[in-house]
């Protein structure tokens, strides 16, 4: 009985995270500023990690937590690289305006 309640809770949680993931994805695509794009990508990666962790609990598969940790490291590096690229692009634009 309690296992069925947990399964329902996990499925409802996955659906809620899916809706929020869709909203974050739209924000990262349509964001008017560069910061909105970077934050949207960061939120998308965080929610994907959360989905993997909930699936690990739902399916009772511990290897998914290892996948989750690897995904967190990759998404962190992706956000850092995106931030670095956009900082360099903005610096070059400012230099071109001053010339």
PDB file of N, CA and C in Angstrom:
ATOM      1  N   UNK A   1       0.814  -1.193   0.000  1.00  0.00           N
ATOM      2  CA  UNK A   1       0.000   0.000   0.000  1.00  0.00           C
ATOM      3  C   UNK A   1       0.862   1.263   0.000  1.00  0.00           C
ATOM      4  N   UNK A   2       1.865   1.307   0.880  1.00  0.00           N
ATOM      5  CA  UNK A   2       2.722   2.493   0.949  1.00  0.00           C
ATOM      6  C   UNK A   2       3.612   2.597  -0.288  1.00  0.00           C
ATOM      7  N   UNK A   3       3.986   1.446  -0.863  1.00  0.00           N
ATOM      8  CA  UNK A   3       4.794   1.475  -2.090  1.00  0.00           C
ATOM      9  C   UNK A   3       4.015   2.080  -3.244  1.00  0.00           C
ATOM     10  N   UNK A   4       2.731   1.754  -3.326  1.00  0.00           N
ATOM     11  CA  UNK A   4       1.893   2.325  -4.377  1.00  0.00           C
ATOM     12  C   UNK A   4       1.770   3.840  -4.204  1.00  0.00           C
ATOM     13  N   UNK A   5       1.645   4.303  -2.958  1.00  0.00           N
ATOM     14  CA  UNK A   5       1.556   5.748  -2.689  1.00  0.00           C
ATOM     15  C   UNK A   5       2.853   6.443  -3.088  1.00  0.00           C
ATOM     16  N   UNK A   6       4.002   5.817  -2.797  1.00  0.00           N
ATOM     17  CA  UNK A   6       5.276   6.397  -3.210  1.00  0.00           C
ATOM     18  C   UNK A   6       5.402   6.442  -4.733  1.00  0.00           C
ATOM     19  N   UNK A   7       4.958   5.394  -5.403  1.00  0.00           N
ATOM     20  CA  UNK A   7       5.014   5.378  -6.870  1.00  0.00           C
ATOM     21  C   UNK A   7       4.167   6.499  -7.463  1.00  0.00           C
ATOM     22  N   UNK A   8       2.997   6.706  -6.915  1.00  0.00           N
ATOM     23  CA  UNK A   8       2.129   7.791  -7.397  1.00  0.00           C
ATOM     24  C   UNK A   8       2.786   9.141  -7.131  1.00  0.00           C
ATOM     25  N   UNK A   9       3.376   9.292  -5.943  1.00  0.00           N
ATOM     26  CA  UNK A   9       4.061  10.541  -5.611  1.00  0.00           C
ATOM     27  C   UNK A   9       5.223  10.802  -6.567  1.00  0.00           C
ATOM     28  N   UNK A  10       6.003   9.776  -6.886  1.00  0.00           N
ATOM     29  CA  UNK A  10       7.131   9.938  -7.800  1.00  0.00           C
ATOM     30  C   UNK A  10       6.659  10.298  -9.205  1.00  0.00           C
ATOM     31  N   UNK A  11       5.578   9.686  -9.645  1.00  0.00           N
ATOM     32  CA  UNK A  11       5.069   9.978 -10.989  1.00  0.00           C
ATOM     33  C   UNK A  11       4.521  11.404 -11.060  1.00  0.00           C
ATOM     34  N   UNK A  12       3.814  11.838 -10.024  1.00  0.00           N
ATOM     35  CA  UNK A  12       3.310  13.218  -9.989  1.00  0.00           C
ATOM     36  C   UNK A  12       4.484  14.192  -9.958  1.00  0.00           C
ATOM     37  N   UNK A  13       5.520  13.854  -9.196  1.00  0.00           N
ATOM     38  CA  UNK A  13       6.707  14.706  -9.140  1.00  0.00           C
ATOM     39  C   UNK A  13       7.374  14.799 -10.506  1.00  0.00           C
ATOM     40  N   UNK A  14       7.487  13.678 -11.203  1.00  0.00           N
ATOM     41  CA  UNK A  14       8.091  13.699 -12.538  1.00  0.00           C
ATOM     42  C   UNK A  14       7.271  14.543 -13.508  1.00  0.00           C
ATOM     43  N   UNK A  15       5.948  14.470 -13.408  1.00  0.00           N
ATOM     44  CA  UNK A  15       5.104  15.294 -14.282  1.00  0.00           C
ATOM     45  C   UNK A  15       5.288  16.782 -13.979  1.00  0.00           C
ATOM     46  N   UNK A  16       5.356  17.135 -12.696  1.00  0.00           N
ATOM     47  CA  UNK A  16       5.551  18.538 -12.320  1.00  0.00           C
ATOM     48  C   UNK A  16       6.914  19.038 -12.790  1.00  0.00           C
ATOM     49  N   UNK A  17       7.932  18.227 -12.635  1.00  0.00           N
ATOM     50  CA  UNK A  17       9.270  18.605 -13.091  1.00  0.00           C
ATOM     51  C   UNK A  17       9.287  18.740 -14.609  1.00  0.00           C
ATOM     52  N   UNK A  18       8.537  17.883 -15.298  1.00  0.00           N
ATOM     53  CA  UNK A  18       8.451  17.972 -16.755  1.00  0.00           C
ATOM     54  C   UNK A  18       7.852  19.289 -17.221  1.00  0.00           C
ATOM     55  N   UNK A  19       6.815  19.748 -16.525  1.00  0.00           N
ATOM     56  CA  UNK A  19       6.205  21.041 -16.866  1.00  0.00           C
ATOM     57  C   UNK A  19       7.196  22.172 -16.624  1.00  0.00           C
ATOM     58  N   UNK A  20       7.876  22.115 -15.481  1.00  0.00           N
ATOM     59  CA  UNK A  20       8.864  23.161 -15.176  1.00  0.00           C
ATOM     60  C   UNK A  20      10.043  23.100 -16.139  1.00  0.00           C
ATOM     61  N   UNK A  21      10.416  21.905 -16.559  1.00  0.00           N
ATOM     62  CA  UNK A  21      11.497  21.741 -17.523  1.00  0.00           C
ATOM     63  C   UNK A  21      11.136  22.369 -18.858  1.00  0.00           C
ATOM     64  N   UNK A  22       9.898  22.188 -19.271  1.00  0.00           N
ATOM     65  CA  UNK A  22       9.421  22.798 -20.506  1.00  0.00           C
ATOM     66  C   UNK A  22       9.454  24.324 -20.409  1.00  0.00           C
ATOM     67  N   UNK A  23       9.038  24.868 -19.268  1.00  0.00           N
ATOM     68  CA  UNK A  23       9.060  26.324 -19.072  1.00  0.00           C
ATOM     69  C   UNK A  23      10.495  26.860 -19.071  1.00  0.00           C
ATOM     70  N   UNK A  24      11.417  26.132 -18.450  1.00  0.00           N
ATOM     71  CA  UNK A  24      12.817  26.568 -18.435  1.00  0.00           C
ATOM     72  C   UNK A  24      13.425  26.494 -19.829  1.00  0.00           C
ATOM     73  N   UNK A  25      13.034  25.500 -20.591  1.00  0.00           N
ATOM     74  CA  UNK A  25      13.535  25.370 -21.963  1.00  0.00           C
ATOM     75  C   UNK A  25      13.042  26.522 -22.835  1.00  0.00           C
ATOM     76  N   UNK A  26      11.791  26.887 -22.668  1.00  0.00           N
ATOM     77  CA  UNK A  26      11.258  28.036 -23.413  1.00  0.00           C
ATOM     78  C   UNK A  26      11.983  29.312 -22.994  1.00  0.00           C
ATOM     79  N   UNK A  27      12.250  29.443 -21.694  1.00  0.00           N
ATOM     80  CA  UNK A  27      12.952  30.639 -21.206  1.00  0.00           C
ATOM     81  C   UNK A  27      14.357  30.716 -21.774  1.00  0.00           C
ATOM     82  N   UNK A  28      15.014  29.578 -21.892  1.00  0.00           N
ATOM     83  CA  UNK A  28      16.379  29.603 -22.426  1.00  0.00           C
ATOM     84  C   UNK A  28      16.388  29.903 -23.921  1.00  0.00           C
ATOM     85  N   UNK A  29      15.320  29.606 -24.612  1.00  0.00           N
ATOM     86  CA  UNK A  29      15.260  29.883 -26.051  1.00  0.00           C
ATOM     87  C   UNK A  29      14.812  31.325 -26.309  1.00  0.00           C
ATOM     88  N   UNK A  30      13.795  31.782 -25.590  1.00  0.00           N
ATOM     89  CA  UNK A  30      13.201  33.084 -25.874  1.00  0.00           C
ATOM     90  C   UNK A  30      13.723  34.223 -25.011  1.00  0.00           C
ATOM     91  N   UNK A  31      14.627  33.936 -24.086  1.00  0.00           N
ATOM     92  CA  UNK A  31      15.107  34.976 -23.176  1.00  0.00           C
ATOM     93  C   UNK A  31      15.654  36.171 -23.927  1.00  0.00           C
ATOM     94  N   UNK A  32      15.247  37.372 -23.537  1.00  0.00           N
ATOM     95  CA  UNK A  32      15.709  38.541 -24.288  1.00  0.00           C
ATOM     96  C   UNK A  32      17.181  38.871 -24.036  1.00  0.00           C
ATOM     97  N   UNK A  33      17.692  38.487 -22.886  1.00  0.00           N
ATOM     98  CA  UNK A  33      19.079  38.814 -22.560  1.00  0.00           C
ATOM     99  C   UNK A  33      19.924  37.554 -22.525  1.00  0.00           C
ATOM    100  N   UNK A  34      21.209  37.743 -22.569  1.00  0.00           N
ATOM    101  CA  UNK A  34      22.149  36.621 -22.522  1.00  0.00           C
ATOM    102  C   UNK A  34      22.062  35.900 -21.186  1.00  0.00           C
ATOM    103  N   UNK A  35      21.863  36.645 -20.127  1.00  0.00           N
ATOM    104  CA  UNK A  35      21.753  36.044 -18.795  1.00  0.00           C
ATOM    105  C   UNK A  35      20.559  35.094 -18.731  1.00  0.00           C
ATOM    106  N   UNK A  36      19.471  35.455 -19.398  1.00  0.00           N
ATOM    107  CA  UNK A  36      18.292  34.588 -19.419  1.00  0.00           C
ATOM    108  C   UNK A  36      18.588  33.276 -20.126  1.00  0.00           C
ATOM    109  N   UNK A  37      19.362  33.329 -21.195  1.00  0.00           N
ATOM    110  CA  UNK A  37      19.728  32.110 -21.912  1.00  0.00           C
ATOM    111  C   UNK A  37      20.575  31.195 -21.032  1.00  0.00           C
ATOM    112  N   UNK A  38      21.561  31.768 -20.375  1.00  0.00           N
ATOM    113  CA  UNK A  38      22.455  30.967 -19.533  1.00  0.00           C
ATOM    114  C   UNK A  38      21.689  30.391 -18.342  1.00  0.00           C
ATOM    115  N   UNK A  39      20.854  31.188 -17.708  1.00  0.00           N
ATOM    116  CA  UNK A  39      20.080  30.687 -16.573  1.00  0.00           C
ATOM    117  C   UNK A  39      19.064  29.629 -17.005  1.00  0.00           C
ATOM    118  N   UNK A  40      18.505  29.782 -18.188  1.00  0.00           N
ATOM    119  CA  UNK A  40      17.586  28.765 -18.703  1.00  0.00           C
ATOM    120  C   UNK A  40      18.283  27.435 -18.936  1.00  0.00           C
ATOM    121  N   UNK A  41      19.481  27.479 -19.475  1.00  0.00           N
ATOM    122  CA  UNK A  41      20.251  26.251 -19.677  1.00  0.00           C
ATOM    123  C   UNK A  41      20.600  25.629 -18.335  1.00  0.00           C
ATOM    124  N   UNK A  42      20.982  26.457 -17.370  1.00  0.00           N
ATOM    125  CA  UNK A  42      21.324  25.955 -16.045  1.00  0.00           C
ATOM    126  C   UNK A  42      20.103  25.318 -15.371  1.00  0.00           C
ATOM    127  N   UNK A  43      18.944  25.959 -15.463  1.00  0.00           N
ATOM    128  CA  UNK A  43      17.729  25.394 -14.870  1.00  0.00           C
ATOM    129  C   UNK A  43      17.322  24.101 -15.567  1.00  0.00           C
ATOM    130  N   UNK A  44      17.474  24.056 -16.891  1.00  0.00           N
ATOM    131  CA  UNK A  44      17.148  22.846 -17.628  1.00  0.00           C
ATOM    132  C   UNK A  44      18.025  21.687 -17.184  1.00  0.00           C
ATOM    133  N   UNK A  45      19.308  21.940 -17.029  1.00  0.00           N
ATOM    134  CA  UNK A  45      20.229  20.886 -16.580  1.00  0.00           C
ATOM    135  C   UNK A  45      19.912  20.443 -15.161  1.00  0.00           C
ATOM    136  N   UNK A  46      19.574  21.379 -14.291  1.00  0.00           N
ATOM    137  CA  UNK A  46      19.249  21.037 -12.910  1.00  0.00           C
ATOM    138  C   UNK A  46      17.983  20.193 -12.826  1.00  0.00           C
ATOM    139  N   UNK A  47      16.981  20.556 -13.594  1.00  0.00           N
ATOM    140  CA  UNK A  47      15.734  19.782 -13.563  1.00  0.00           C
ATOM    141  C   UNK A  47      15.891  18.410 -14.208  1.00  0.00           C
ATOM    142  N   UNK A  48      16.734  18.316 -15.213  1.00  0.00           N
ATOM    143  CA  UNK A  48      17.017  17.009 -15.808  1.00  0.00           C
ATOM    144  C   UNK A  48      17.718  16.120 -14.792  1.00  0.00           C
ATOM    145  N   UNK A  49      18.631  16.692 -14.031  1.00  0.00           N
ATOM    146  CA  UNK A  49      19.306  15.944 -12.970  1.00  0.00           C
ATOM    147  C   UNK A  49      18.298  15.477 -11.927  1.00  0.00           C
ATOM    148  N   UNK A  50      17.371  16.345 -11.579  1.00  0.00           N
ATOM    149  CA  UNK A  50      16.345  15.978 -10.616  1.00  0.00           C
ATOM    150  C   UNK A  50      15.457  14.855 -11.150  1.00  0.00           C
ATOM    151  N   UNK A  51      15.135  14.896 -12.429  1.00  0.00           N
ATOM    152  CA  UNK A  51      14.350  13.816 -13.043  1.00  0.00           C
ATOM    153  C   UNK A  51      15.092  12.482 -12.966  1.00  0.00           C
ATOM    154  N   UNK A  52      16.373  12.501 -13.238  1.00  0.00           N
ATOM    155  CA  UNK A  52      17.162  11.275 -13.170  1.00  0.00           C
ATOM    156  C   UNK A  52      17.200  10.740 -11.738  1.00  0.00           C
ATOM    157  N   UNK A  53      17.320  11.633 -10.760  1.00  0.00           N
ATOM    158  CA  UNK A  53      17.350  11.199  -9.356  1.00  0.00           C
ATOM    159  C   UNK A  53      16.008  10.602  -8.926  1.00  0.00           C
ATOM    160  N   UNK A  54      14.911  11.215  -9.348  1.00  0.00           N
ATOM    161  CA  UNK A  54      13.591  10.673  -9.011  1.00  0.00           C
ATOM    162  C   UNK A  54      13.378   9.337  -9.708  1.00  0.00           C
ATOM    163  N   UNK A  55      13.835   9.211 -10.934  1.00  0.00           N
ATOM    164  CA  UNK A  55      13.734   7.927 -11.628  1.00  0.00           C
ATOM    165  C   UNK A  55      14.560   6.854 -10.932  1.00  0.00           C
ATOM    166  N   UNK A  56      15.701   7.239 -10.379  1.00  0.00           N
ATOM    167  CA  UNK A  56      16.509   6.275  -9.630  1.00  0.00           C
ATOM    168  C   UNK A  56      15.736   5.746  -8.430  1.00  0.00           C
ATOM    169  N   UNK A  57      14.990   6.618  -7.755  1.00  0.00           N
ATOM    170  CA  UNK A  57      14.171   6.180  -6.635  1.00  0.00           C
ATOM    171  C   UNK A  57      12.977   5.349  -7.093  1.00  0.00           C
ATOM    172  N   UNK A  58      12.347   5.783  -8.170  1.00  0.00           N
ATOM    173  CA  UNK A  58      11.156   5.101  -8.663  1.00  0.00           C
ATOM    174  C   UNK A  58      11.481   3.692  -9.154  1.00  0.00           C
ATOM    175  N   UNK A  59      12.559   3.563  -9.910  1.00  0.00           N
ATOM    176  CA  UNK A  59      12.928   2.270 -10.488  1.00  0.00           C
ATOM    177  C   UNK A  59      13.818   1.441  -9.572  1.00  0.00           C
ATOM    178  N   UNK A  60      14.261   2.037  -8.468  1.00  0.00           N
ATOM    179  CA  UNK A  60      15.155   1.379  -7.506  1.00  0.00           C
ATOM    180  C   UNK A  60      16.434   0.897  -8.185  1.00  0.00           C
ATOM    181  N   UNK A  61      17.012   1.782  -8.967  1.00  0.00           N
ATOM    182  CA  UNK A  61      18.268   1.505  -9.676  1.00  0.00           C
ATOM    183  C   UNK A  61      19.317   2.496  -9.205  1.00  0.00           C
ATOM    184  N   UNK A  62      20.311   1.996  -8.493  1.00  0.00           N
ATOM    185  CA  UNK A  62      21.308   2.889  -7.911  1.00  0.00           C
ATOM    186  C   UNK A  62      22.304   3.421  -8.942  1.00  0.00           C
ATOM    187  N   UNK A  63      22.469   2.736 -10.068  1.00  0.00           N
ATOM    188  CA  UNK A  63      23.414   3.219 -11.078  1.00  0.00           C
ATOM    189  C   UNK A  63      22.960   4.539 -11.693  1.00  0.00           C
ATOM    190  N   UNK A  64      21.670   4.831 -11.620  1.00  0.00           N
ATOM    191  CA  UNK A  64      21.181   6.099 -12.159  1.00  0.00           C
ATOM    192  C   UNK A  64      21.695   7.288 -11.353  1.00  0.00           C
ATOM    193  N   UNK A  65      22.007   7.070 -10.099  1.00  0.00           N
ATOM    194  CA  UNK A  65      22.588   8.152  -9.302  1.00  0.00           C
ATOM    195  C   UNK A  65      24.000   8.469  -9.783  1.00  0.00           C
ATOM    196  N   UNK A  66      24.736   7.459 -10.243  1.00  0.00           N
ATOM    197  CA  UNK A  66      26.047   7.711 -10.836  1.00  0.00           C
ATOM    198  C   UNK A  66      25.909   8.510 -12.123  1.00  0.00           C
ATOM    199  N   UNK A  67      24.923   8.142 -12.926  1.00  0.00           N
ATOM    200  CA  UNK A  67      24.637   8.896 -14.144  1.00  0.00           C
ATOM    201  C   UNK A  67      24.266  10.327 -13.795  1.00  0.00           C
ATOM    202  N   UNK A  68      23.509  10.495 -12.728  1.00  0.00           N
ATOM    203  CA  UNK A  68      23.092  11.824 -12.271  1.00  0.00           C
ATOM    204  C   UNK A  68      24.309  12.677 -11.899  1.00  0.00           C
ATOM    205  N   UNK A  69      25.241  12.106 -11.179  1.00  0.00           N
ATOM    206  CA  UNK A  69      26.447  12.849 -10.789  1.00  0.00           C
ATOM    207  C   UNK A  69      27.281  13.248 -11.997  1.00  0.00           C
ATOM    208  N   UNK A  70      27.419  12.352 -12.943  1.00  0.00           N
ATOM    209  CA  UNK A  70      28.173  12.664 -14.156  1.00  0.00           C
ATOM    210  C   UNK A  70      27.477  13.776 -14.937  1.00  0.00           C
ATOM    211  N   UNK A  71      26.152  13.715 -15.010  1.00  0.00           N
ATOM    212  CA  UNK A  71      25.401  14.743 -15.720  1.00  0.00           C
ATOM    213  C   UNK A  71      25.546  16.105 -15.043  1.00  0.00           C
ATOM    214  N   UNK A  72      25.581  16.108 -13.718  1.00  0.00           N
ATOM    215  CA  UNK A  72      25.771  17.366 -12.989  1.00  0.00           C
ATOM    216  C   UNK A  72      27.122  17.983 -13.335  1.00  0.00           C
ATOM    217  N   UNK A  73      28.162  17.174 -13.372  1.00  0.00           N
ATOM    218  CA  UNK A  73      29.489  17.693 -13.703  1.00  0.00           C
ATOM    219  C   UNK A  73      29.539  18.240 -15.127  1.00  0.00           C
ATOM    220  N   UNK A  74      28.934  17.521 -16.050  1.00  0.00           N
ATOM    221  CA  UNK A  74      28.929  17.975 -17.444  1.00  0.00           C
ATOM    222  C   UNK A  74      28.117  19.261 -17.593  1.00  0.00           C
ATOM    223  N   UNK A  75      26.967  19.333 -16.916  1.00  0.00           N
ATOM    224  CA  UNK A  75      26.146  20.542 -17.041  1.00  0.00           C
ATOM    225  C   UNK A  75      26.825  21.737 -16.389  1.00  0.00           C
ATOM    226  N   UNK A  76      27.551  21.521 -15.302  1.00  0.00           N
ATOM    227  CA  UNK A  76      28.295  22.613 -14.688  1.00  0.00           C
ATOM    228  C   UNK A  76      29.351  23.152 -15.645  1.00  0.00           C
ATOM    229  N   UNK A  77      30.084  22.243 -16.277  1.00  0.00           N
ATOM    230  CA  UNK A  77      31.094  22.671 -17.242  1.00  0.00           C
ATOM    231  C   UNK A  77      30.464  23.389 -18.435  1.00  0.00           C
ATOM    232  N   UNK A  78      29.311  22.918 -18.866  1.00  0.00           N
ATOM    233  CA  UNK A  78      28.633  23.564 -19.990  1.00  0.00           C
ATOM    234  C   UNK A  78      28.229  24.990 -19.654  1.00  0.00           C
ATOM    235  N   UNK A  79      27.717  25.208 -18.462  1.00  0.00           N
ATOM    236  CA  UNK A  79      27.307  26.557 -18.063  1.00  0.00           C
ATOM    237  C   UNK A  79      28.528  27.460 -17.919  1.00  0.00           C
ATOM    238  N   UNK A  80      29.613  26.944 -17.379  1.00  0.00           N
ATOM    239  CA  UNK A  80      30.835  27.745 -17.247  1.00  0.00           C
ATOM    240  C   UNK A  80      31.368  28.121 -18.626  1.00  0.00           C
ATOM    241  N   UNK A  81      31.380  27.178 -19.550  1.00  0.00           N
ATOM    242  CA  UNK A  81      31.866  27.468 -20.906  1.00  0.00           C
ATOM    243  C   UNK A  81      30.959  28.484 -21.596  1.00  0.00           C
ATOM    244  N   UNK A  82      29.645  28.330 -21.456  1.00  0.00           N
ATOM    245  CA  UNK A  82      28.724  29.307 -22.053  1.00  0.00           C
ATOM    246  C   UNK A  82      28.946  30.700 -21.482  1.00  0.00           C
ATOM    247  N   UNK A  83      29.109  30.782 -20.186  1.00  0.00           N
ATOM    248  CA  UNK A  83      29.354  32.088 -19.566  1.00  0.00           C
ATOM    249  C   UNK A  83      30.656  32.698 -20.075  1.00  0.00           C
ATOM    250  N   UNK A  84      31.692  31.895 -20.184  1.00  0.00           N
ATOM    251  CA  UNK A  84      32.983  32.386 -20.670  1.00  0.00           C
ATOM    252  C   UNK A  84      32.875  32.871 -22.117  1.00  0.00           C
ATOM    253  N   UNK A  85      32.169  32.120 -22.956  1.00  0.00           N
ATOM    254  CA  UNK A  85      32.009  32.515 -24.359  1.00  0.00           C
ATOM    255  C   UNK A  85      31.246  33.827 -24.457  1.00  0.00           C
ATOM    256  N   UNK A  86      30.147  33.950 -23.722  1.00  0.00           N
ATOM    257  CA  UNK A  86      29.357  35.172 -23.803  1.00  0.00           C
ATOM    258  C   UNK A  86      30.099  36.366 -23.209  1.00  0.00           C
ATOM    259  N   UNK A  87      30.909  36.155 -22.195  1.00  0.00           N
ATOM    260  CA  UNK A  87      31.721  37.252 -21.650  1.00  0.00           C
ATOM    261  C   UNK A  87      32.710  37.729 -22.700  1.00  0.00           C
ATOM    262  N   UNK A  88      33.362  36.795 -23.390  1.00  0.00           N
ATOM    263  CA  UNK A  88      34.318  37.177 -24.436  1.00  0.00           C
ATOM    264  C   UNK A  88      33.633  37.890 -25.592  1.00  0.00           C
ATOM    265  N   UNK A  89      32.460  37.423 -25.985  1.00  0.00           N
ATOM    266  CA  UNK A  89      31.729  38.068 -27.079  1.00  0.00           C
ATOM    267  C   UNK A  89      31.346  39.488 -26.693  1.00  0.00           C
ATOM    268  N   UNK A  90      30.869  39.670 -25.472  1.00  0.00           N
ATOM    269  CA  UNK A  90      30.486  41.011 -25.034  1.00  0.00           C
ATOM    270  C   UNK A  90      31.691  41.940 -24.913  1.00  0.00           C
ATOM    271  N   UNK A  91      32.829  41.409 -24.481  1.00  0.00           N
ATOM    272  CA  UNK A  91      34.031  42.240 -24.398  1.00  0.00           C
ATOM    273  C   UNK A  91      34.484  42.686 -25.787  1.00  0.00           C
ATOM    274  N   UNK A  92      34.414  41.793 -26.779  1.00  0.00           N
ATOM    275  CA  UNK A  92      34.797  42.167 -28.143  1.00  0.00           C
ATOM    276  C   UNK A  92      33.831  43.191 -28.731  1.00  0.00           C
ATOM    277  N   UNK A  93      32.540  43.062 -28.396  1.00  0.00           N
ATOM    278  CA  UNK A  93      31.567  44.053 -28.877  1.00  0.00           C
ATOM    279  C   UNK A  93      31.843  45.429 -28.285  1.00  0.00           C
ATOM    280  N   UNK A  94      32.192  45.473 -27.009  1.00  0.00           N
ATOM    281  CA  UNK A  94      32.491  46.758 -26.373  1.00  0.00           C
ATOM    282  C   UNK A  94      33.754  47.368 -26.972  1.00  0.00           C
ATOM    283  N   UNK A  95      34.764  46.547 -27.268  1.00  0.00           N
ATOM    284  CA  UNK A  95      35.988  47.058 -27.889  1.00  0.00           C
ATOM    285  C   UNK A  95      35.697  47.605 -29.277  1.00  0.00           C
ATOM    286  N   UNK A  96      34.829  46.927 -30.026  1.00  0.00           N
ATOM    287  CA  UNK A  96      34.486  47.405 -31.370  1.00  0.00           C
ATOM    288  C   UNK A  96      33.713  48.719 -31.313  1.00  0.00           C
ATOM    289  N   UNK A  97      32.890  48.916 -30.319  1.00  0.00           N
ATOM    290  CA  UNK A  97      32.135  50.150 -30.190  1.00  0.00           C
ATOM    291  C   UNK A  97      33.048  51.326 -29.851  1.00  0.00           C
ATOM    292  N   UNK A  98      34.078  51.073 -29.055  1.00  0.00           N
ATOM    293  CA  UNK A  98      34.980  52.148 -28.665  1.00  0.00           C
ATOM    294  C   UNK A  98      35.931  52.535 -29.793  1.00  0.00           C
ATOM    295  N   UNK A  99      36.150  51.634 -30.737  1.00  0.00           N
ATOM    296  CA  UNK A  99      37.073  51.938 -31.848  1.00  0.00           C
ATOM    297  C   UNK A  99      36.464  52.779 -32.912  1.00  0.00           C
TER     298      UNK A  99
END
